[in-house]
Amino acid sequence: MVRKSVICLCLSLLWIASPAFPLEKIKLPCEVMEVSELFDSSSSQLSGIRYILLHHAIDADRETLSRWLKAYGGTEVTFIINHKEYRGILCRLAHCFGRGLLFYTGDARPEKRDVIEVILSPPP
């Protein structure tokens, strides 16, 4: 009985000590499903916003993206389109399994089915 308790304690400590994601960045290719037009607003804070609806580009990355979205959805990420880096906020869509909604400003104009690289990292 004591041996079983010790084993359970050790496994619990290992589980607590190991993060759900590594602390380094994860570069994940994502396929563009939809791209918005430029939103216009009378408020300068809201003007110029766009979004990209995306999901994993490689089936093996499906679970990684899903876990990241559940753990860190709504945080800032870096993404690369045509060798140019942009910053945006990647959000989880609770009823669209494995899909993320990436809000950003800038001139990036990916097309449907383009593959972009999204750099995921846990918030500081």
Protein backbone atom coordinates (compact mmCIF):
# COMPACT_ATOMS: atom_id res chain seq x y z
CA MET A 1 0.00 0.00 0.00
CA VAL A 2 2.82 2.41 0.87
CA ARG A 3 4.61 1.56 -2.39
CA LYS A 4 1.49 2.39 -4.40
CA SER A 5 1.16 5.73 -2.58
CA VAL A 6 4.80 6.59 -3.27
CA ILE A 7 4.39 5.79 -6.97
CA CYS A 8 1.24 7.94 -7.17
CA LEU A 9 3.04 10.80 -5.41
CA CYS A 10 6.02 10.59 -7.80
CA LEU A 11 3.77 10.56 -10.85
CA SER A 12 1.81 13.52 -9.49
CA LEU A 13 5.00 15.50 -8.94
CA LEU A 14 6.19 14.73 -12.47
CA TRP A 15 2.86 15.81 -13.88
CA ILE A 16 2.90 19.10 -11.94
CA ALA A 17 6.53 19.81 -12.87
CA SER A 18 6.05 19.27 -16.60
CA PRO A 19 4.19 22.09 -18.37
CA ALA A 20 1.46 21.33 -20.89
CA PHE A 21 3.63 23.03 -23.50
CA PRO A 22 7.33 23.55 -23.68
CA LEU A 23 8.50 27.03 -22.77
CA GLU A 24 10.13 27.48 -26.17
CA LYS A 25 8.23 28.67 -29.21
CA ILE A 26 6.28 26.29 -31.41
CA LYS A 27 6.30 27.05 -35.14
CA LEU A 28 3.12 25.66 -36.61
CA PRO A 29 2.03 25.76 -40.24
CA CYS A 30 -1.65 26.75 -40.42
CA GLU A 31 -4.01 26.76 -43.37
CA VAL A 32 -6.07 29.88 -44.05
CA MET A 33 -9.76 29.05 -44.24
CA GLU A 34 -11.16 32.57 -44.56
CA VAL A 35 -9.85 36.14 -44.63
CA SER A 36 -11.79 39.28 -43.81
CA GLU A 37 -11.78 42.53 -45.64
CA LEU A 38 -10.43 45.56 -43.82
CA PHE A 39 -12.90 46.70 -41.16
CA ASP A 40 -13.64 50.40 -41.11
CA SER A 41 -14.80 52.31 -38.07
CA SER A 42 -15.27 55.87 -36.96
CA SER A 43 -13.08 54.94 -33.98
CA SER A 44 -9.37 55.02 -34.76
CA GLN A 45 -8.85 52.23 -32.23
CA LEU A 46 -11.08 49.86 -34.19
CA SER A 47 -10.21 50.91 -37.71
CA GLY A 48 -7.92 48.71 -39.78
CA ILE A 49 -8.65 45.39 -38.05
CA ARG A 50 -8.71 42.18 -40.09
CA TYR A 51 -9.08 38.51 -39.22
CA ILE A 52 -7.93 35.16 -40.51
CA LEU A 53 -9.84 31.97 -39.73
CA LEU A 54 -7.28 29.16 -39.63
CA HIS A 55 -6.65 25.57 -38.68
CA HIS A 56 -3.70 23.17 -38.68
CA ALA A 57 -2.10 22.55 -42.08
CA ILE A 58 -0.62 19.17 -41.10
CA ASP A 59 -2.83 16.53 -39.49
CA ALA A 60 -0.10 15.64 -36.97
CA ASP A 61 -0.31 19.21 -35.58
CA ARG A 62 -4.04 19.11 -34.90
CA GLU A 63 -3.76 18.23 -31.21
CA THR A 64 -0.95 20.75 -30.63
CA LEU A 65 -3.01 23.62 -32.01
CA SER A 66 -6.11 22.50 -30.16
CA ARG A 67 -4.32 22.26 -26.80
CA TRP A 68 -2.61 25.63 -27.33
CA LEU A 69 -5.90 27.33 -28.19
CA LYS A 70 -7.57 25.87 -25.09
CA ALA A 71 -4.70 26.90 -22.82
CA TYR A 72 -3.72 30.28 -24.28
CA GLY A 73 -6.47 31.43 -26.67
CA GLY A 74 -6.79 35.21 -26.72
CA THR A 75 -3.06 35.88 -26.45
CA GLU A 76 -0.59 37.53 -28.79
CA VAL A 77 1.25 35.49 -31.42
CA THR A 78 3.61 36.12 -34.28
CA PHE A 79 2.73 34.90 -37.75
CA ILE A 80 4.63 34.91 -41.02
CA ILE A 81 3.19 35.53 -44.47
CA ASN A 82 5.48 35.78 -47.51
CA HIS A 83 8.59 35.99 -45.30
CA LYS A 84 7.21 38.99 -43.38
CA GLU A 85 6.38 38.89 -39.65
CA TYR A 86 3.18 40.25 -38.16
CA ARG A 87 1.67 40.29 -34.67
CA GLY A 88 -1.89 39.40 -33.83
CA ILE A 89 -4.23 37.93 -31.24
CA LEU A 90 -5.14 34.26 -31.75
CA CYS A 91 -8.47 33.25 -30.21
CA ARG A 92 -10.13 29.90 -29.73
CA LEU A 93 -13.54 29.35 -31.29
CA ALA A 94 -15.29 27.09 -28.79
CA HIS A 95 -17.81 25.68 -31.26
CA CYS A 96 -15.40 25.33 -34.20
CA PHE A 97 -13.10 22.55 -33.03
CA GLY A 98 -9.44 23.04 -33.87
CA ARG A 99 -9.91 26.43 -35.48
CA GLY A 100 -8.49 29.76 -34.43
CA LEU A 101 -9.48 33.31 -35.22
CA LEU A 102 -6.45 35.54 -35.70
CA PHE A 103 -7.08 39.30 -35.35
CA TYR A 104 -4.45 41.67 -36.70
CA THR A 105 -3.80 45.02 -38.31
CA GLY A 106 -1.53 45.56 -41.27
CA ASP A 107 -1.23 44.88 -44.94
CA ALA A 108 -1.06 41.05 -44.83
CA ARG A 109 -3.47 39.63 -47.39
CA PRO A 110 -3.34 35.84 -47.43
CA GLU A 111 -5.68 33.91 -49.68
CA LYS A 112 -7.94 31.01 -48.80
CA ARG A 113 -5.87 27.77 -48.57
CA ASP A 114 -2.55 29.62 -48.13
CA VAL A 115 -0.32 28.11 -45.47
CA ILE A 116 1.07 30.61 -43.00
CA GLU A 117 3.49 29.95 -40.16
CA VAL A 118 2.17 30.80 -36.71
CA ILE A 119 4.64 31.02 -33.84
CA LEU A 120 2.96 29.96 -30.61
CA SER A 121 4.48 30.63 -27.23
CA PRO A 122 3.00 30.75 -23.76
CA PRO A 123 2.36 34.24 -22.42
CA PRO A 124 5.09 35.65 -20.15
